[in-house]
Amino acid sequence: MSLKLAFMGTPAFAVPTLRAIHRAGHRIACVYSQPPRKAGRRGLTLTPSPVHQAAESLGLPVQTPLNFRDEADRWAFAAHNLDVAVVVAYGLLLPDEILEAPTYGCLNGHGSLLPRWRGAAPIQRAIQAGDTETGMMVMRMETGLDTGPVARTIETAIGETETAGELHDRMAALCADLMVDALSKLQAGVLHFEDQDAIARRTGRDPCYARKIDKGEARIDFTRRAGDVARQINAFSPFPGAWTMLPVGDRAERVKVLRARAEDAHGEPGTALDGELLIACGSGSVRLLELQRAGGKPMAAADLLRGVAVPAGTVLGHD
């Protein structure tokens, strides 16, 4: 017999999991997503979230409470008489009344190897920190931020120049498979949980928090070590996009750098060491592999260089 559940999610990351649960035949009583946001040049159009749109395409009812402070919203949730709620990147803190309403609580798909990288931006922070692996976990939610016991884990390597966008898409697919597996085990009565303190002792992973990405972090400082600069670039791609100022003719143009690799060449920080976008850092250098000019599309470095010459000796970063 299938489980009766609610799905709670908002961005594109959560859509594969919603679709996978639907294909698995579980009874999705309702989909919860954040309210439609203003979009368009003048902000006059209300656009439903990716999860909202996916739910409607599947013929599923959708609710978009601003939060669950309204008692009527909490009662409506409880009235579904759910076996479980599945939460993936919902974006709202859930009160105890919601966490405790389903028979088996709320299962969350989280994109890190907990207790490492609890919080809002685990994918980006893992890349930025130089982690060589990460993973998806299914945990039972509790009041603390990403502190609940873990039931299922799948690990995955982080490529040397893999961007947050690429890792995001891979992990969205992993989340879908892992959550379906967790629900199958829950249905069979064999889903077991491990406390995060026990995980920390067993793995040596200390708790840390993945704070939200701030656009103020995005400007590239070439006086830093090459590895730090490359990881910043890859972690902030595609959003918000690490950026620098590139001399173009008699002016400086703001350019996003979307992929980079650390190398061993040395020179004055911010200076091009060749004509192929090898830029010196405080120690070592970074090879800029993919960039995006203002108003343009992402392009390989070779394509940018066909329109903009950056000879050795060019200094980047100055307004």
C-alpha atoms as a PDB file:
ATOM      1  CA  MET A   1       0.000   0.000   0.000  1.00  0.00           C
ATOM      2  CA  SER A   2       1.387   3.427  -0.929  1.00  0.00           C
ATOM      3  CA  LEU A   3       2.129   6.175   1.576  1.00  0.00           C
ATOM      4  CA  LYS A   4      -0.066   9.239   1.903  1.00  0.00           C
ATOM      5  CA  LEU A   5       2.198  12.276   1.933  1.00  0.00           C
ATOM      6  CA  ALA A   6       2.643  15.978   1.348  1.00  0.00           C
ATOM      7  CA  PHE A   7       5.520  17.302  -0.736  1.00  0.00           C
ATOM      8  CA  MET A   8       7.084  20.593   0.297  1.00  0.00           C
ATOM      9  CA  GLY A   9       9.564  22.305  -2.016  1.00  0.00           C
ATOM     10  CA  THR A  10      10.122  25.419  -4.085  1.00  0.00           C
ATOM     11  CA  PRO A  11      13.059  25.618  -6.567  1.00  0.00           C
ATOM     12  CA  ALA A  12      14.016  23.512  -9.563  1.00  0.00           C
ATOM     13  CA  PHE A  13      16.278  21.391  -7.341  1.00  0.00           C
ATOM     14  CA  ALA A  14      13.182  19.811  -5.751  1.00  0.00           C
ATOM     15  CA  VAL A  15      11.300  19.029  -8.974  1.00  0.00           C
ATOM     16  CA  PRO A  16      13.009  15.683  -9.799  1.00  0.00           C
ATOM     17  CA  THR A  17      12.127  14.383  -6.332  1.00  0.00           C
ATOM     18  CA  LEU A  18       8.482  15.394  -6.696  1.00  0.00           C
ATOM     19  CA  ARG A  19       8.260  13.673 -10.069  1.00  0.00           C
ATOM     20  CA  ALA A  20      10.030  10.534  -8.809  1.00  0.00           C
ATOM     21  CA  ILE A  21       7.698  10.194  -5.817  1.00  0.00           C
ATOM     22  CA  HIS A  22       4.710  10.628  -8.106  1.00  0.00           C
ATOM     23  CA  ARG A  23       6.032   7.918 -10.465  1.00  0.00           C
ATOM     24  CA  ALA A  24       6.566   5.603  -7.492  1.00  0.00           C
ATOM     25  CA  GLY A  25       2.810   5.656  -6.894  1.00  0.00           C
ATOM     26  CA  HIS A  26       2.632   7.356  -3.524  1.00  0.00           C
ATOM     27  CA  ARG A  27      -0.532   9.319  -2.753  1.00  0.00           C
ATOM     28  CA  ILE A  28       0.467  12.980  -2.768  1.00  0.00           C
ATOM     29  CA  ALA A  29      -2.351  14.679  -0.879  1.00  0.00           C
ATOM     30  CA  CYS A  30      -0.983  18.164  -1.439  1.00  0.00           C
ATOM     31  CA  VAL A  31       2.093  20.012  -2.653  1.00  0.00           C
ATOM     32  CA  TYR A  32       3.295  22.989  -0.624  1.00  0.00           C
ATOM     33  CA  SER A  33       5.480  25.655  -2.193  1.00  0.00           C
ATOM     34  CA  GLN A  34       6.411  29.252  -1.501  1.00  0.00           C
ATOM     35  CA  PRO A  35       3.969  31.824  -2.904  1.00  0.00           C
ATOM     36  CA  PRO A  36       4.349  33.044  -6.504  1.00  0.00           C
ATOM     37  CA  ARG A  37       6.915  35.831  -6.833  1.00  0.00           C
ATOM     38  CA  LYS A  38       6.845  38.990  -8.877  1.00  0.00           C
ATOM     39  CA  ALA A  39       8.753  38.634 -12.129  1.00  0.00           C
ATOM     40  CA  GLY A  40       9.182  40.413 -15.439  1.00  0.00           C
ATOM     41  CA  ARG A  41      10.896  43.701 -16.183  1.00  0.00           C
ATOM     42  CA  ARG A  42       8.342  45.731 -14.207  1.00  0.00           C
ATOM     43  CA  GLY A  43       7.616  43.090 -11.610  1.00  0.00           C
ATOM     44  CA  LEU A  44       3.953  42.974 -12.546  1.00  0.00           C
ATOM     45  CA  THR A  45       3.646  39.251 -13.243  1.00  0.00           C
ATOM     46  CA  LEU A  46       3.311  36.707 -10.436  1.00  0.00           C
ATOM     47  CA  THR A  47       5.254  33.578 -11.361  1.00  0.00           C
ATOM     48  CA  PRO A  48       4.655  30.253  -9.571  1.00  0.00           C
ATOM     49  CA  SER A  49       7.719  28.406  -8.342  1.00  0.00           C
ATOM     50  CA  PRO A  50       9.187  25.501 -10.368  1.00  0.00           C
ATOM     51  CA  VAL A  51       7.679  23.014  -7.889  1.00  0.00           C
ATOM     52  CA  HIS A  52       4.297  24.740  -8.118  1.00  0.00           C
ATOM     53  CA  GLN A  53       4.369  24.496 -11.911  1.00  0.00           C
ATOM     54  CA  ALA A  54       5.478  20.857 -11.850  1.00  0.00           C
ATOM     55  CA  ALA A  55       2.713  19.950  -9.399  1.00  0.00           C
ATOM     56  CA  GLU A  56       0.060  21.528 -11.594  1.00  0.00           C
ATOM     57  CA  SER A  57       1.394  19.638 -14.616  1.00  0.00           C
ATOM     58  CA  LEU A  58       0.913  16.421 -12.615  1.00  0.00           C
ATOM     59  CA  GLY A  59      -2.605  17.390 -11.585  1.00  0.00           C
ATOM     60  CA  LEU A  60      -1.707  17.762  -7.919  1.00  0.00           C
ATOM     61  CA  PRO A  61      -3.313  20.315  -5.565  1.00  0.00           C
ATOM     62  CA  VAL A  62      -0.984  23.119  -4.438  1.00  0.00           C
ATOM     63  CA  GLN A  63      -0.977  25.292  -1.341  1.00  0.00           C
ATOM     64  CA  THR A  64       1.267  28.364  -0.981  1.00  0.00           C
ATOM     65  CA  PRO A  65       1.043  29.669   2.591  1.00  0.00           C
ATOM     66  CA  LEU A  66       3.278  32.637   3.325  1.00  0.00           C
ATOM     67  CA  ASN A  67       4.315  30.802   6.478  1.00  0.00           C
ATOM     68  CA  PHE A  68       2.610  28.566   9.022  1.00  0.00           C
ATOM     69  CA  ARG A  69       1.961  31.225  11.643  1.00  0.00           C
ATOM     70  CA  ASP A  70      -1.712  31.253  10.718  1.00  0.00           C
ATOM     71  CA  GLU A  71      -3.508  28.604  12.745  1.00  0.00           C
ATOM     72  CA  ALA A  72      -5.808  27.861   9.797  1.00  0.00           C
ATOM     73  CA  ASP A  73      -2.794  26.799   7.694  1.00  0.00           C
ATOM     74  CA  ARG A  74      -1.551  24.495  10.456  1.00  0.00           C
ATOM     75  CA  TRP A  75      -5.002  22.933  10.881  1.00  0.00           C
ATOM     76  CA  ALA A  76      -5.327  22.439   7.122  1.00  0.00           C
ATOM     77  CA  PHE A  77      -1.983  20.639   7.041  1.00  0.00           C
ATOM     78  CA  ALA A  78      -2.893  18.373   9.942  1.00  0.00           C
ATOM     79  CA  ALA A  79      -6.279  17.614   8.353  1.00  0.00           C
ATOM     80  CA  HIS A  80      -4.553  15.710   5.532  1.00  0.00           C
ATOM     81  CA  ASN A  81      -3.820  12.895   8.040  1.00  0.00           C
ATOM     82  CA  LEU A  82      -0.466  12.202   6.420  1.00  0.00           C
ATOM     83  CA  ASP A  83       1.832   9.256   6.855  1.00  0.00           C
ATOM     84  CA  VAL A  84       4.835  11.495   6.131  1.00  0.00           C
ATOM     85  CA  ALA A  85       5.849  14.815   4.612  1.00  0.00           C
ATOM     86  CA  VAL A  86       8.763  15.083   2.169  1.00  0.00           C
ATOM     87  CA  VAL A  87      10.662  18.373   2.292  1.00  0.00           C
ATOM     88  CA  VAL A  88      13.247  19.378  -0.324  1.00  0.00           C
ATOM     89  CA  ALA A  89      14.505  22.972  -0.482  1.00  0.00           C
ATOM     90  CA  TYR A  90      11.185  24.387   0.722  1.00  0.00           C
ATOM     91  CA  GLY A  91      12.809  27.553   2.017  1.00  0.00           C
ATOM     92  CA  LEU A  92      10.623  28.029   5.109  1.00  0.00           C
ATOM     93  CA  LEU A  93      11.280  27.048   8.705  1.00  0.00           C
ATOM     94  CA  LEU A  94       8.586  24.638   9.836  1.00  0.00           C
ATOM     95  CA  PRO A  95       7.050  24.952  13.304  1.00  0.00           C
ATOM     96  CA  ASP A  96       6.728  21.975  15.618  1.00  0.00           C
ATOM     97  CA  GLU A  97       3.015  21.596  14.790  1.00  0.00           C
ATOM     98  CA  ILE A  98       3.927  20.857  11.162  1.00  0.00           C
ATOM     99  CA  LEU A  99       6.955  18.687  11.941  1.00  0.00           C
ATOM    100  CA  GLU A 100       4.888  16.515  14.270  1.00  0.00           C
ATOM    101  CA  ALA A 101       1.632  16.311  12.317  1.00  0.00           C
ATOM    102  CA  PRO A 102       2.468  13.355   9.989  1.00  0.00           C
ATOM    103  CA  THR A 103       2.609   9.911  11.569  1.00  0.00           C
ATOM    104  CA  TYR A 104       6.283   9.469  10.655  1.00  0.00           C
ATOM    105  CA  GLY A 105       7.242  13.136  10.742  1.00  0.00           C
ATOM    106  CA  CYS A 106       8.959  15.088   7.952  1.00  0.00           C
ATOM    107  CA  LEU A 107      11.767  13.658   5.825  1.00  0.00           C
ATOM    108  CA  ASN A 108      14.185  16.195   4.382  1.00  0.00           C
ATOM    109  CA  GLY A 109      16.524  15.787   1.419  1.00  0.00           C
ATOM    110  CA  HIS A 110      19.694  17.731   2.265  1.00  0.00           C
ATOM    111  CA  GLY A 111      22.649  18.282  -0.059  1.00  0.00           C
ATOM    112  CA  SER A 112      25.687  17.647   2.119  1.00  0.00           C
ATOM    113  CA  LEU A 113      27.334  15.012   4.273  1.00  0.00           C
ATOM    114  CA  LEU A 114      25.874  16.036   7.614  1.00  0.00           C
ATOM    115  CA  PRO A 115      26.778  17.267  10.129  1.00  0.00           C
ATOM    116  CA  ARG A 116      29.074  19.118   7.719  1.00  0.00           C
ATOM    117  CA  TRP A 117      27.401  22.033   5.924  1.00  0.00           C
ATOM    118  CA  ARG A 118      24.109  22.455   7.663  1.00  0.00           C
ATOM    119  CA  GLY A 119      22.206  25.450   6.358  1.00  0.00           C
ATOM    120  CA  ALA A 120      21.271  27.342   3.236  1.00  0.00           C
ATOM    121  CA  ALA A 121      24.120  26.872   0.733  1.00  0.00           C
ATOM    122  CA  PRO A 122      25.772  23.467   1.288  1.00  0.00           C
ATOM    123  CA  ILE A 123      26.636  22.831  -2.368  1.00  0.00           C
ATOM    124  CA  GLN A 124      28.427  26.151  -2.857  1.00  0.00           C
ATOM    125  CA  ARG A 125      30.220  26.072   0.482  1.00  0.00           C
ATOM    126  CA  ALA A 126      31.492  22.529  -0.065  1.00  0.00           C
ATOM    127  CA  ILE A 127      33.118  23.569  -3.358  1.00  0.00           C
ATOM    128  CA  GLN A 128      34.436  26.815  -1.889  1.00  0.00           C
ATOM    129  CA  ALA A 129      36.034  24.957   1.022  1.00  0.00           C
ATOM    130  CA  GLY A 130      37.806  22.545  -1.304  1.00  0.00           C
ATOM    131  CA  ASP A 131      35.869  19.442  -0.257  1.00  0.00           C
ATOM    132  CA  THR A 132      36.581  16.557  -2.608  1.00  0.00           C
ATOM    133  CA  GLU A 133      33.297  14.816  -1.887  1.00  0.00           C
ATOM    134  CA  THR A 134      29.790  15.603  -0.771  1.00  0.00           C
ATOM    135  CA  GLY A 135      26.497  13.757  -0.824  1.00  0.00           C
ATOM    136  CA  MET A 136      22.750  13.652  -0.398  1.00  0.00           C
ATOM    137  CA  MET A 137      21.150  12.668   2.874  1.00  0.00           C
ATOM    138  CA  VAL A 138      17.593  11.932   3.951  1.00  0.00           C
ATOM    139  CA  MET A 139      17.022  12.968   7.542  1.00  0.00           C
ATOM    140  CA  ARG A 140      14.067  13.342   9.873  1.00  0.00           C
ATOM    141  CA  MET A 141      13.490  17.009  10.561  1.00  0.00           C
ATOM    142  CA  GLU A 142      13.469  18.515  14.022  1.00  0.00           C
ATOM    143  CA  THR A 143      13.377  22.065  15.357  1.00  0.00           C
ATOM    144  CA  GLY A 144      17.153  22.622  14.988  1.00  0.00           C
ATOM    145  CA  LEU A 145      18.585  23.671  11.615  1.00  0.00           C
ATOM    146  CA  ASP A 146      19.473  20.445   9.749  1.00  0.00           C
ATOM    147  CA  THR A 147      20.256  18.643  13.014  1.00  0.00           C
ATOM    148  CA  GLY A 148      17.889  15.669  12.733  1.00  0.00           C
ATOM    149  CA  PRO A 149      18.891  11.991  12.584  1.00  0.00           C
ATOM    150  CA  VAL A 150      19.927  10.618   9.187  1.00  0.00           C
ATOM    151  CA  ALA A 151      18.377   7.595   7.492  1.00  0.00           C
ATOM    152  CA  ARG A 152      19.911   7.394   4.016  1.00  0.00           C
ATOM    153  CA  THR A 153      23.151   8.672   2.461  1.00  0.00           C
ATOM    154  CA  ILE A 154      24.724   8.636  -0.971  1.00  0.00           C
ATOM    155  CA  GLU A 155      28.189  10.109  -1.511  1.00  0.00           C
ATOM    156  CA  THR A 156      29.541  11.705  -4.664  1.00  0.00           C
ATOM    157  CA  ALA A 157      32.910  13.161  -5.687  1.00  0.00           C
ATOM    158  CA  ILE A 158      33.339  16.841  -6.539  1.00  0.00           C
ATOM    159  CA  GLY A 159      35.287  17.378  -9.758  1.00  0.00           C
ATOM    160  CA  GLU A 160      38.332  19.672  -9.829  1.00  0.00           C
ATOM    161  CA  THR A 161      36.597  22.326 -11.940  1.00  0.00           C
ATOM    162  CA  GLU A 162      32.991  21.303 -11.301  1.00  0.00           C
ATOM    163  CA  THR A 163      30.708  24.275 -10.764  1.00  0.00           C
ATOM    164  CA  ALA A 164      27.946  24.638  -8.225  1.00  0.00           C
ATOM    165  CA  GLY A 165      25.429  24.579 -11.065  1.00  0.00           C
ATOM    166  CA  GLU A 166      26.689  21.234 -12.356  1.00  0.00           C
ATOM    167  CA  LEU A 167      26.854  19.704  -8.889  1.00  0.00           C
ATOM    168  CA  HIS A 168      23.384  21.084  -8.130  1.00  0.00           C
ATOM    169  CA  ASP A 169      21.901  19.228 -11.100  1.00  0.00           C
ATOM    170  CA  ARG A 170      23.661  15.960 -10.280  1.00  0.00           C
ATOM    171  CA  MET A 171      22.564  16.115  -6.668  1.00  0.00           C
ATOM    172  CA  ALA A 172      18.963  16.899  -7.588  1.00  0.00           C
ATOM    173  CA  ALA A 173      18.863  13.572  -9.440  1.00  0.00           C
ATOM    174  CA  LEU A 174      20.552  11.791  -6.518  1.00  0.00           C
ATOM    175  CA  CYS A 175      18.003  13.281  -4.121  1.00  0.00           C
ATOM    176  CA  ALA A 176      15.127  11.905  -6.175  1.00  0.00           C
ATOM    177  CA  ASP A 177      16.487   8.355  -6.154  1.00  0.00           C
ATOM    178  CA  LEU A 178      17.471   8.477  -2.492  1.00  0.00           C
ATOM    179  CA  MET A 179      14.094   9.785  -1.315  1.00  0.00           C
ATOM    180  CA  VAL A 180      12.174   7.129  -3.251  1.00  0.00           C
ATOM    181  CA  ASP A 181      14.404   4.505  -1.654  1.00  0.00           C
ATOM    182  CA  ALA A 182      13.834   5.999   1.809  1.00  0.00           C
ATOM    183  CA  LEU A 183      10.055   5.997   1.332  1.00  0.00           C
ATOM    184  CA  SER A 184      10.158   2.380   0.198  1.00  0.00           C
ATOM    185  CA  LYS A 185      12.040   1.420   3.365  1.00  0.00           C
ATOM    186  CA  LEU A 186       9.700   3.512   5.502  1.00  0.00           C
ATOM    187  CA  GLN A 187       6.728   1.717   3.958  1.00  0.00           C
ATOM    188  CA  ALA A 188       8.357  -1.630   4.712  1.00  0.00           C
ATOM    189  CA  GLY A 189       9.142  -0.630   8.287  1.00  0.00           C
ATOM    190  CA  VAL A 190      12.918  -0.903   7.824  1.00  0.00           C
ATOM    191  CA  LEU A 191      13.985   2.754   7.653  1.00  0.00           C
ATOM    192  CA  HIS A 192      16.497   3.289  10.451  1.00  0.00           C
ATOM    193  CA  PHE A 193      18.041   6.541  11.664  1.00  0.00           C
ATOM    194  CA  GLU A 194      21.463   7.506  13.044  1.00  0.00           C
ATOM    195  CA  ASP A 195      21.996  10.510  15.292  1.00  0.00           C
ATOM    196  CA  GLN A 196      24.289  13.160  13.812  1.00  0.00           C
ATOM    197  CA  ASP A 197      26.545  13.113  16.890  1.00  0.00           C
ATOM    198  CA  ALA A 198      27.154   9.436  16.216  1.00  0.00           C
ATOM    199  CA  ILE A 199      27.863  10.202  12.549  1.00  0.00           C
ATOM    200  CA  ALA A 200      30.379  12.858  13.593  1.00  0.00           C
ATOM    201  CA  ARG A 201      32.201  10.405  15.872  1.00  0.00           C
ATOM    202  CA  ARG A 202      32.216   7.688  13.224  1.00  0.00           C
ATOM    203  CA  THR A 203      33.333   9.860  10.298  1.00  0.00           C
ATOM    204  CA  GLY A 204      35.265  12.691  11.916  1.00  0.00           C
ATOM    205  CA  ARG A 205      33.021  15.259  10.225  1.00  0.00           C
ATOM    206  CA  ASP A 206      32.567  18.208  12.560  1.00  0.00           C
ATOM    207  CA  PRO A 207      29.375  20.300  12.396  1.00  0.00           C
ATOM    208  CA  CYS A 208      29.640  23.503  10.362  1.00  0.00           C
ATOM    209  CA  TYR A 209      27.175  25.873   8.734  1.00  0.00           C
ATOM    210  CA  ALA A 210      26.744  26.839   5.101  1.00  0.00           C
ATOM    211  CA  ARG A 211      25.687  30.447   5.336  1.00  0.00           C
ATOM    212  CA  LYS A 212      23.648  31.971   2.526  1.00  0.00           C
ATOM    213  CA  ILE A 213      25.628  33.313  -0.437  1.00  0.00           C
ATOM    214  CA  ASP A 214      25.980  37.097  -0.380  1.00  0.00           C
ATOM    215  CA  LYS A 215      26.563  38.983  -3.618  1.00  0.00           C
ATOM    216  CA  GLY A 216      29.199  40.998  -1.771  1.00  0.00           C
ATOM    217  CA  GLU A 217      31.407  37.887  -1.734  1.00  0.00           C
ATOM    218  CA  ALA A 218      31.490  37.632  -5.504  1.00  0.00           C
ATOM    219  CA  ARG A 219      34.236  40.068  -6.513  1.00  0.00           C
ATOM    220  CA  ILE A 220      37.490  38.230  -7.255  1.00  0.00           C
ATOM    221  CA  ASP A 221      40.552  39.211  -5.217  1.00  0.00           C
ATOM    222  CA  PHE A 222      43.598  37.991  -7.120  1.00  0.00           C
ATOM    223  CA  THR A 223      45.871  38.662  -4.123  1.00  0.00           C
ATOM    224  CA  ARG A 224      44.471  35.489  -2.551  1.00  0.00           C
ATOM    225  CA  ARG A 225      45.899  32.029  -3.144  1.00  0.00           C
ATOM    226  CA  ALA A 226      45.127  30.487  -6.513  1.00  0.00           C
ATOM    227  CA  GLY A 227      43.254  27.543  -5.023  1.00  0.00           C
ATOM    228  CA  ASP A 228      40.990  29.855  -3.039  1.00  0.00           C
ATOM    229  CA  VAL A 229      40.266  31.997  -6.103  1.00  0.00           C
ATOM    230  CA  ALA A 230      39.486  29.001  -8.324  1.00  0.00           C
ATOM    231  CA  ARG A 231      37.168  27.482  -5.734  1.00  0.00           C
ATOM    232  CA  GLN A 232      35.370  30.814  -5.263  1.00  0.00           C
ATOM    233  CA  ILE A 233      34.784  31.037  -9.006  1.00  0.00           C
ATOM    234  CA  ASN A 234      33.497  27.494  -9.340  1.00  0.00           C
ATOM    235  CA  ALA A 235      31.381  27.698  -6.163  1.00  0.00           C
ATOM    236  CA  PHE A 236      29.607  30.884  -7.277  1.00  0.00           C
ATOM    237  CA  SER A 237      28.830  29.648 -10.794  1.00  0.00           C
ATOM    238  CA  PRO A 238      26.260  30.305 -12.122  1.00  0.00           C
ATOM    239  CA  PHE A 239      24.922  32.403  -9.208  1.00  0.00           C
ATOM    240  CA  PRO A 240      25.809  35.012  -8.189  1.00  0.00           C
ATOM    241  CA  GLY A 241      28.798  34.668 -10.494  1.00  0.00           C
ATOM    242  CA  ALA A 242      32.297  35.639  -9.353  1.00  0.00           C
ATOM    243  CA  TRP A 243      33.417  38.695 -11.289  1.00  0.00           C
ATOM    244  CA  THR A 244      36.332  40.938 -12.119  1.00  0.00           C
ATOM    245  CA  MET A 245      37.061  43.990 -14.258  1.00  0.00           C
ATOM    246  CA  LEU A 246      38.573  43.246 -17.669  1.00  0.00           C
ATOM    247  CA  PRO A 247      40.273  45.963 -19.744  1.00  0.00           C
ATOM    248  CA  VAL A 248      38.479  46.273 -23.092  1.00  0.00           C
ATOM    249  CA  GLY A 249      39.920  49.052 -25.240  1.00  0.00           C
ATOM    250  CA  ASP A 250      40.030  52.262 -23.189  1.00  0.00           C
ATOM    251  CA  ARG A 251      37.587  51.104 -20.543  1.00  0.00           C
ATOM    252  CA  ALA A 252      37.141  48.370 -17.939  1.00  0.00           C
ATOM    253  CA  GLU A 253      34.255  45.938 -18.387  1.00  0.00           C
ATOM    254  CA  ARG A 254      32.737  43.843 -15.611  1.00  0.00           C
ATOM    255  CA  VAL A 255      32.962  40.177 -16.570  1.00  0.00           C
ATOM    256  CA  LYS A 256      31.706  37.106 -14.725  1.00  0.00           C
ATOM    257  CA  VAL A 257      34.099  34.176 -14.467  1.00  0.00           C
ATOM    258  CA  LEU A 258      32.165  30.898 -14.395  1.00  0.00           C
ATOM    259  CA  ARG A 259      34.899  28.251 -14.307  1.00  0.00           C
ATOM    260  CA  ALA A 260      38.579  28.230 -13.379  1.00  0.00           C
ATOM    261  CA  ARG A 261      41.474  25.923 -12.551  1.00  0.00           C
ATOM    262  CA  ALA A 262      44.397  26.619 -10.234  1.00  0.00           C
ATOM    263  CA  GLU A 263      47.888  26.360 -11.779  1.00  0.00           C
ATOM    264  CA  ASP A 264      51.487  26.793 -10.547  1.00  0.00           C
ATOM    265  CA  ALA A 265      52.752  29.780 -12.554  1.00  0.00           C
ATOM    266  CA  HIS A 266      53.613  32.909 -10.565  1.00  0.00           C
ATOM    267  CA  GLY A 267      53.562  36.651 -11.148  1.00  0.00           C
ATOM    268  CA  GLU A 268      52.119  39.943  -9.976  1.00  0.00           C
ATOM    269  CA  PRO A 269      48.553  39.333  -8.702  1.00  0.00           C
ATOM    270  CA  GLY A 270      45.900  40.152 -11.299  1.00  0.00           C
ATOM    271  CA  THR A 271      48.364  40.126 -14.209  1.00  0.00           C
ATOM    272  CA  ALA A 272      47.870  37.951 -17.290  1.00  0.00           C
ATOM    273  CA  LEU A 273      50.844  35.615 -17.659  1.00  0.00           C
ATOM    274  CA  ASP A 274      50.040  34.609 -21.228  1.00  0.00           C
ATOM    275  CA  GLY A 275      47.509  35.426 -23.907  1.00  0.00           C
ATOM    276  CA  GLU A 276      45.122  32.662 -22.812  1.00  0.00           C
ATOM    277  CA  LEU A 277      43.765  34.032 -19.527  1.00  0.00           C
ATOM    278  CA  LEU A 278      46.265  32.586 -17.069  1.00  0.00           C
ATOM    279  CA  ILE A 279      46.069  35.151 -14.272  1.00  0.00           C
ATOM    280  CA  ALA A 280      48.585  35.437 -11.430  1.00  0.00           C
ATOM    281  CA  CYS A 281      47.334  35.280  -7.845  1.00  0.00           C
ATOM    282  CA  GLY A 282      48.897  35.941  -4.456  1.00  0.00           C
ATOM    283  CA  SER A 283      50.431  32.498  -4.809  1.00  0.00           C
ATOM    284  CA  GLY A 284      50.102  30.459  -7.985  1.00  0.00           C
ATOM    285  CA  SER A 285      47.698  31.405 -10.758  1.00  0.00           C
ATOM    286  CA  VAL A 286      44.258  30.629 -12.132  1.00  0.00           C
ATOM    287  CA  ARG A 287      43.322  29.640 -15.650  1.00  0.00           C
ATOM    288  CA  LEU A 288      39.997  31.302 -16.498  1.00  0.00           C
ATOM    289  CA  LEU A 289      38.101  28.681 -18.483  1.00  0.00           C
ATOM    290  CA  GLU A 290      34.589  30.054 -18.929  1.00  0.00           C
ATOM    291  CA  LEU A 291      33.353  33.650 -18.792  1.00  0.00           C
ATOM    292  CA  GLN A 292      30.296  35.790 -19.432  1.00  0.00           C
ATOM    293  CA  ARG A 293      30.296  39.381 -20.629  1.00  0.00           C
ATOM    294  CA  ALA A 294      27.523  41.752 -19.567  1.00  0.00           C
ATOM    295  CA  GLY A 295      24.345  40.944 -21.492  1.00  0.00           C
ATOM    296  CA  GLY A 296      25.956  37.947 -23.173  1.00  0.00           C
ATOM    297  CA  LYS A 297      25.903  34.196 -22.821  1.00  0.00           C
ATOM    298  CA  PRO A 298      28.482  32.045 -21.052  1.00  0.00           C
ATOM    299  CA  MET A 299      31.382  31.233 -23.342  1.00  0.00           C
ATOM    300  CA  ALA A 300      34.646  29.340 -23.310  1.00  0.00           C
ATOM    301  CA  ALA A 301      37.748  31.455 -22.797  1.00  0.00           C
ATOM    302  CA  ALA A 302      38.872  30.800 -26.381  1.00  0.00           C
ATOM    303  CA  ASP A 303      35.614  32.263 -27.702  1.00  0.00           C
ATOM    304  CA  LEU A 304      35.938  35.391 -25.584  1.00  0.00           C
ATOM    305  CA  LEU A 305      39.526  35.866 -26.720  1.00  0.00           C
ATOM    306  CA  ARG A 306      38.426  35.899 -30.348  1.00  0.00           C
ATOM    307  CA  GLY A 307      36.657  39.192 -29.604  1.00  0.00           C
ATOM    308  CA  VAL A 308      38.778  40.615 -26.788  1.00  0.00           C
ATOM    309  CA  ALA A 309      42.560  40.407 -26.731  1.00  0.00           C
ATOM    310  CA  VAL A 310      44.070  39.868 -23.274  1.00  0.00           C
ATOM    311  CA  PRO A 311      47.830  39.753 -23.915  1.00  0.00           C
ATOM    312  CA  ALA A 312      50.446  38.914 -21.292  1.00  0.00           C
ATOM    313  CA  GLY A 313      50.922  41.854 -18.995  1.00  0.00           C
ATOM    314  CA  THR A 314      47.241  42.894 -18.955  1.00  0.00           C
ATOM    315  CA  VAL A 315      46.101  43.700 -15.423  1.00  0.00           C
ATOM    316  CA  LEU A 316      42.607  42.570 -14.361  1.00  0.00           C
ATOM    317  CA  GLY A 317      40.554  43.732 -11.431  1.00  0.00           C
ATOM    318  CA  HIS A 318      40.819  47.533 -11.637  1.00  0.00           C
ATOM    319  CA  ASP A 319      37.784  49.740 -12.265  1.00  0.00           C
END
